[in-house]
Amino acid sequence: MRLKELFRSIKTNYWRPGTSALVDKHKPQPRKAFRPTTALAKIVKFKDALMEVHLTDARIISVPIIWFPLLHEATVEQREHYEIGGGGTSLHWEEIDEDISVAGLLAGGEAQAS
């Protein structure tokens, strides 16, 4: 009798039709961080220890330049020679081979750690 109750419990709590694996429906599923793709870069400026990326919708993203070792070690002239690619979705510095996405900047420090 206990075995039937155990199987009924497993079927009720862990089995979903159409799947071949047990699933705990009470356990929250991990969610990916929202990474916006519609923010578009217009201008990049450097002030003190910060990089400012001005967006076409008038927002300004300021991030510590130390997050990007290649930019941190670059000269002022090298920093000023950037290209905006992908219609504003990415930044590229040819001389120092650095690429940064606007979505990554908006995601913040979490994206830099990965």
N, C-alpha and C. Protein backbone atom coordinates (compact mmCIF):
# COMPACT_ATOMS: atom_id res chain seq x y z
N MET A 1 0.82 -1.20 0.00
CA MET A 1 0.00 0.00 0.00
C MET A 1 0.87 1.27 0.00
N ARG A 2 1.94 1.29 0.74
CA ARG A 2 2.80 2.46 0.78
C ARG A 2 3.48 2.71 -0.56
N LEU A 3 3.80 1.67 -1.26
CA LEU A 3 4.44 1.80 -2.56
C LEU A 3 3.52 2.51 -3.55
N LYS A 4 2.22 2.17 -3.53
CA LYS A 4 1.26 2.85 -4.41
C LYS A 4 1.18 4.33 -4.08
N GLU A 5 1.18 4.67 -2.81
CA GLU A 5 1.12 6.08 -2.40
C GLU A 5 2.38 6.82 -2.86
N LEU A 6 3.52 6.17 -2.76
CA LEU A 6 4.77 6.78 -3.20
C LEU A 6 4.72 7.07 -4.71
N PHE A 7 4.31 6.09 -5.52
CA PHE A 7 4.21 6.31 -6.96
C PHE A 7 3.19 7.38 -7.31
N ARG A 8 2.08 7.42 -6.61
CA ARG A 8 1.06 8.45 -6.85
C ARG A 8 1.64 9.83 -6.52
N SER A 9 2.40 9.93 -5.44
CA SER A 9 3.02 11.19 -5.05
C SER A 9 4.02 11.65 -6.12
N ILE A 10 4.83 10.71 -6.60
CA ILE A 10 5.81 11.05 -7.64
C ILE A 10 5.10 11.51 -8.90
N LYS A 11 4.08 10.79 -9.30
CA LYS A 11 3.35 11.15 -10.52
C LYS A 11 2.68 12.51 -10.38
N THR A 12 2.10 12.79 -9.22
CA THR A 12 1.40 14.05 -8.99
C THR A 12 2.35 15.23 -8.88
N ASN A 13 3.46 15.07 -8.16
CA ASN A 13 4.34 16.20 -7.87
C ASN A 13 5.52 16.38 -8.82
N TYR A 14 5.91 15.32 -9.53
CA TYR A 14 7.12 15.43 -10.30
C TYR A 14 7.00 15.07 -11.77
N TRP A 15 5.90 14.58 -12.22
CA TRP A 15 5.77 14.12 -13.59
C TRP A 15 4.89 15.06 -14.38
N ARG A 16 5.37 15.47 -15.53
CA ARG A 16 4.57 16.30 -16.42
C ARG A 16 4.35 15.52 -17.70
N PRO A 17 3.14 15.56 -18.25
CA PRO A 17 2.87 14.83 -19.50
C PRO A 17 3.80 15.31 -20.62
N GLY A 18 4.29 14.37 -21.39
CA GLY A 18 5.12 14.72 -22.53
C GLY A 18 6.59 14.85 -22.21
N THR A 19 6.97 14.71 -20.95
CA THR A 19 8.38 14.77 -20.61
C THR A 19 8.87 13.41 -20.18
N SER A 20 10.14 13.18 -20.36
CA SER A 20 10.69 11.90 -19.97
C SER A 20 11.55 12.02 -18.73
N ALA A 21 11.53 13.16 -18.07
CA ALA A 21 12.34 13.35 -16.87
C ALA A 21 11.45 13.86 -15.74
N LEU A 22 11.90 13.59 -14.55
CA LEU A 22 11.18 14.10 -13.38
C LEU A 22 11.44 15.59 -13.25
N VAL A 23 10.41 16.36 -12.93
CA VAL A 23 10.52 17.80 -12.80
C VAL A 23 9.84 18.20 -11.51
N ASP A 24 10.54 18.96 -10.68
CA ASP A 24 9.95 19.47 -9.45
C ASP A 24 9.25 20.78 -9.80
N LYS A 25 7.92 20.76 -9.85
CA LYS A 25 7.20 21.96 -10.28
C LYS A 25 7.15 23.04 -9.22
N HIS A 26 7.64 22.73 -8.01
CA HIS A 26 7.66 23.73 -6.95
C HIS A 26 8.99 24.48 -6.90
N LYS A 27 10.01 23.96 -7.58
CA LYS A 27 11.32 24.60 -7.59
C LYS A 27 11.33 25.69 -8.65
N PRO A 28 11.69 26.94 -8.27
CA PRO A 28 11.71 28.01 -9.27
C PRO A 28 12.79 27.74 -10.32
N GLN A 29 12.45 28.00 -11.58
CA GLN A 29 13.37 27.81 -12.68
C GLN A 29 14.27 29.05 -12.80
N PRO A 30 15.57 28.86 -13.09
CA PRO A 30 16.46 30.01 -13.23
C PRO A 30 16.05 30.86 -14.43
N ARG A 31 16.18 32.17 -14.27
CA ARG A 31 15.83 33.09 -15.34
C ARG A 31 17.07 33.83 -15.79
N LYS A 32 17.18 34.06 -17.07
CA LYS A 32 18.30 34.81 -17.60
C LYS A 32 18.07 36.30 -17.35
N ALA A 33 19.15 37.01 -17.17
CA ALA A 33 19.06 38.45 -16.98
C ALA A 33 18.58 39.11 -18.26
N PHE A 34 17.80 40.15 -18.12
CA PHE A 34 17.31 40.91 -19.27
C PHE A 34 18.49 41.67 -19.87
N ARG A 35 18.73 41.48 -21.14
CA ARG A 35 19.80 42.18 -21.83
C ARG A 35 19.20 42.98 -22.97
N PRO A 36 18.99 44.27 -22.76
CA PRO A 36 18.35 45.09 -23.79
C PRO A 36 19.18 45.11 -25.07
N THR A 37 18.50 45.12 -26.18
CA THR A 37 19.18 45.18 -27.48
C THR A 37 18.77 46.40 -28.28
N THR A 38 17.92 47.26 -27.72
CA THR A 38 17.44 48.41 -28.46
C THR A 38 18.18 49.70 -28.12
N ALA A 39 19.04 49.70 -27.10
CA ALA A 39 19.81 50.89 -26.75
C ALA A 39 20.94 51.05 -27.77
N LEU A 40 21.06 52.23 -28.33
CA LEU A 40 22.05 52.47 -29.38
C LEU A 40 23.02 53.57 -28.99
N ALA A 41 24.30 53.30 -29.13
CA ALA A 41 25.35 54.28 -28.79
C ALA A 41 25.44 55.36 -29.84
N LYS A 42 25.73 56.58 -29.37
CA LYS A 42 25.88 57.72 -30.27
C LYS A 42 27.30 58.30 -30.15
N ILE A 43 27.78 58.47 -28.91
CA ILE A 43 29.08 59.09 -28.65
C ILE A 43 29.71 58.40 -27.44
N VAL A 44 31.04 58.32 -27.43
CA VAL A 44 31.77 57.81 -26.26
C VAL A 44 32.69 58.91 -25.78
N LYS A 45 32.66 59.17 -24.46
CA LYS A 45 33.53 60.17 -23.85
C LYS A 45 34.22 59.55 -22.64
N PHE A 46 35.41 60.06 -22.32
CA PHE A 46 36.14 59.61 -21.15
C PHE A 46 36.33 60.78 -20.20
N LYS A 47 35.92 60.58 -18.95
CA LYS A 47 36.07 61.61 -17.92
C LYS A 47 36.66 60.97 -16.68
N ASP A 48 37.82 61.46 -16.29
CA ASP A 48 38.54 60.92 -15.13
C ASP A 48 38.68 59.41 -15.26
N ALA A 49 38.11 58.65 -14.34
CA ALA A 49 38.23 57.19 -14.35
C ALA A 49 36.98 56.53 -14.92
N LEU A 50 36.16 57.31 -15.63
CA LEU A 50 34.90 56.77 -16.17
C LEU A 50 34.86 56.83 -17.69
N MET A 51 34.12 55.89 -18.26
CA MET A 51 33.79 55.94 -19.68
C MET A 51 32.30 56.23 -19.75
N GLU A 52 31.93 57.24 -20.50
CA GLU A 52 30.52 57.60 -20.69
C GLU A 52 30.11 57.24 -22.11
N VAL A 53 29.03 56.49 -22.21
CA VAL A 53 28.47 56.16 -23.52
C VAL A 53 27.12 56.85 -23.63
N HIS A 54 27.02 57.80 -24.53
CA HIS A 54 25.78 58.55 -24.74
C HIS A 54 24.94 57.78 -25.75
N LEU A 55 23.70 57.54 -25.39
CA LEU A 55 22.80 56.77 -26.24
C LEU A 55 21.89 57.68 -27.06
N THR A 56 21.32 57.14 -28.11
CA THR A 56 20.46 57.93 -28.98
C THR A 56 19.17 58.35 -28.29
N ASP A 57 18.78 57.66 -27.22
CA ASP A 57 17.55 58.04 -26.51
C ASP A 57 17.83 58.97 -25.34
N ALA A 58 19.02 59.61 -25.33
CA ALA A 58 19.43 60.63 -24.36
C ALA A 58 19.92 60.06 -23.04
N ARG A 59 19.95 58.74 -22.87
CA ARG A 59 20.54 58.17 -21.66
C ARG A 59 22.05 58.20 -21.77
N ILE A 60 22.71 58.20 -20.61
CA ILE A 60 24.16 58.14 -20.55
C ILE A 60 24.54 57.00 -19.61
N ILE A 61 25.38 56.10 -20.11
CA ILE A 61 25.89 55.01 -19.29
C ILE A 61 27.30 55.38 -18.86
N SER A 62 27.55 55.42 -17.57
CA SER A 62 28.89 55.69 -17.05
C SER A 62 29.39 54.44 -16.35
N VAL A 63 30.56 53.98 -16.76
CA VAL A 63 31.14 52.78 -16.15
C VAL A 63 32.60 53.05 -15.83
N PRO A 64 33.13 52.41 -14.78
CA PRO A 64 34.55 52.58 -14.47
C PRO A 64 35.42 52.01 -15.59
N ILE A 65 36.40 52.76 -16.01
CA ILE A 65 37.26 52.32 -17.10
C ILE A 65 38.13 51.13 -16.67
N ILE A 66 38.29 50.95 -15.38
CA ILE A 66 39.08 49.82 -14.86
C ILE A 66 38.45 48.48 -15.22
N TRP A 67 37.15 48.48 -15.55
CA TRP A 67 36.47 47.25 -15.99
C TRP A 67 37.09 46.71 -17.28
N PHE A 68 37.72 47.58 -18.03
CA PHE A 68 38.27 47.21 -19.34
C PHE A 68 39.77 47.48 -19.34
N PRO A 69 40.57 46.49 -18.96
CA PRO A 69 42.02 46.70 -18.83
C PRO A 69 42.69 47.26 -20.08
N LEU A 70 42.27 46.85 -21.26
CA LEU A 70 42.89 47.37 -22.48
C LEU A 70 42.63 48.86 -22.64
N LEU A 71 41.41 49.29 -22.34
CA LEU A 71 41.10 50.73 -22.40
C LEU A 71 41.80 51.49 -21.28
N HIS A 72 41.88 50.88 -20.13
CA HIS A 72 42.53 51.52 -18.98
C HIS A 72 44.00 51.81 -19.27
N GLU A 73 44.66 50.88 -19.95
CA GLU A 73 46.09 51.03 -20.26
C GLU A 73 46.34 51.83 -21.54
N ALA A 74 45.31 52.08 -22.33
CA ALA A 74 45.46 52.79 -23.61
C ALA A 74 45.75 54.28 -23.38
N THR A 75 46.36 54.89 -24.38
CA THR A 75 46.60 56.33 -24.32
C THR A 75 45.30 57.07 -24.63
N VAL A 76 45.29 58.34 -24.36
CA VAL A 76 44.11 59.17 -24.63
C VAL A 76 43.79 59.12 -26.12
N GLU A 77 44.82 59.18 -26.96
CA GLU A 77 44.61 59.14 -28.41
C GLU A 77 43.99 57.82 -28.85
N GLN A 78 44.47 56.71 -28.27
CA GLN A 78 43.92 55.40 -28.62
C GLN A 78 42.46 55.28 -28.20
N ARG A 79 42.13 55.83 -27.05
CA ARG A 79 40.73 55.78 -26.57
C ARG A 79 39.80 56.56 -27.49
N GLU A 80 40.29 57.66 -28.05
CA GLU A 80 39.46 58.51 -28.89
C GLU A 80 39.21 57.91 -30.28
N HIS A 81 39.97 56.91 -30.69
CA HIS A 81 39.80 56.28 -32.00
C HIS A 81 38.93 55.04 -31.87
N TYR A 82 37.65 55.25 -31.73
CA TYR A 82 36.69 54.14 -31.59
C TYR A 82 35.73 54.15 -32.77
N GLU A 83 35.09 53.02 -32.96
CA GLU A 83 34.06 52.89 -33.99
C GLU A 83 32.79 52.38 -33.33
N ILE A 84 31.67 52.89 -33.78
CA ILE A 84 30.38 52.39 -33.31
C ILE A 84 29.86 51.46 -34.40
N GLY A 85 29.63 50.21 -34.03
CA GLY A 85 29.20 49.21 -35.01
C GLY A 85 27.81 48.68 -34.72
N GLY A 86 27.33 47.90 -35.64
CA GLY A 86 26.02 47.26 -35.46
C GLY A 86 24.89 48.25 -35.33
N GLY A 87 25.03 49.41 -35.96
CA GLY A 87 23.98 50.42 -35.87
C GLY A 87 23.89 51.06 -34.50
N GLY A 88 24.94 50.89 -33.68
CA GLY A 88 24.95 51.49 -32.34
C GLY A 88 24.95 50.47 -31.22
N THR A 89 24.99 49.19 -31.56
CA THR A 89 24.92 48.15 -30.52
C THR A 89 26.28 47.74 -29.97
N SER A 90 27.37 48.15 -30.65
CA SER A 90 28.69 47.75 -30.17
C SER A 90 29.71 48.86 -30.36
N LEU A 91 30.78 48.78 -29.56
CA LEU A 91 31.88 49.74 -29.63
C LEU A 91 33.15 48.96 -29.92
N HIS A 92 34.02 49.53 -30.76
CA HIS A 92 35.24 48.82 -31.14
C HIS A 92 36.41 49.80 -31.20
N TRP A 93 37.54 49.39 -30.62
CA TRP A 93 38.78 50.14 -30.68
C TRP A 93 39.77 49.27 -31.45
N GLU A 94 40.02 49.61 -32.71
CA GLU A 94 40.88 48.82 -33.60
C GLU A 94 42.31 48.72 -33.08
N GLU A 95 42.88 49.85 -32.67
CA GLU A 95 44.29 49.87 -32.26
C GLU A 95 44.60 48.96 -31.07
N ILE A 96 43.65 48.84 -30.15
CA ILE A 96 43.90 48.02 -28.96
C ILE A 96 43.08 46.72 -28.97
N ASP A 97 42.34 46.49 -30.05
CA ASP A 97 41.52 45.29 -30.23
C ASP A 97 40.56 45.06 -29.06
N GLU A 98 39.77 46.07 -28.76
CA GLU A 98 38.76 46.00 -27.68
C GLU A 98 37.38 46.13 -28.29
N ASP A 99 36.47 45.25 -27.87
CA ASP A 99 35.07 45.27 -28.31
C ASP A 99 34.18 45.24 -27.09
N ILE A 100 33.18 46.12 -27.06
CA ILE A 100 32.25 46.20 -25.94
C ILE A 100 30.84 46.34 -26.50
N SER A 101 29.90 45.59 -25.94
CA SER A 101 28.51 45.72 -26.38
C SER A 101 27.77 46.70 -25.47
N VAL A 102 26.86 47.45 -26.04
CA VAL A 102 26.05 48.38 -25.25
C VAL A 102 25.17 47.59 -24.27
N ALA A 103 24.65 46.45 -24.70
CA ALA A 103 23.83 45.62 -23.82
C ALA A 103 24.64 45.16 -22.61
N GLY A 104 25.89 44.82 -22.83
CA GLY A 104 26.76 44.43 -21.72
C GLY A 104 26.99 45.57 -20.75
N LEU A 105 27.13 46.78 -21.26
CA LEU A 105 27.30 47.95 -20.39
C LEU A 105 26.03 48.17 -19.55
N LEU A 106 24.87 48.02 -20.18
CA LEU A 106 23.63 48.21 -19.45
C LEU A 106 23.41 47.13 -18.39
N ALA A 107 23.95 45.94 -18.64
CA ALA A 107 23.81 44.84 -17.68
C ALA A 107 24.64 45.12 -16.44
N GLY A 108 25.71 45.91 -16.57
CA GLY A 108 26.50 46.31 -15.41
C GLY A 108 27.61 45.37 -15.07
N GLY A 109 28.04 45.44 -13.81
CA GLY A 109 29.20 44.69 -13.32
C GLY A 109 29.03 43.19 -13.41
N GLU A 110 27.81 42.68 -13.35
CA GLU A 110 27.58 41.23 -13.43
C GLU A 110 28.10 40.69 -14.76
N ALA A 111 27.89 41.44 -15.82
CA ALA A 111 28.32 40.99 -17.13
C ALA A 111 29.84 41.03 -17.25
N GLN A 112 30.48 41.98 -16.57
CA GLN A 112 31.92 42.08 -16.65
C GLN A 112 32.61 40.93 -15.95
N ALA A 113 31.95 40.36 -14.93
CA ALA A 113 32.55 39.28 -14.16
C ALA A 113 32.50 37.96 -14.91
N SER A 114 31.61 37.82 -15.87
CA SER A 114 31.48 36.52 -16.57
C SER A 114 32.33 36.44 -17.80
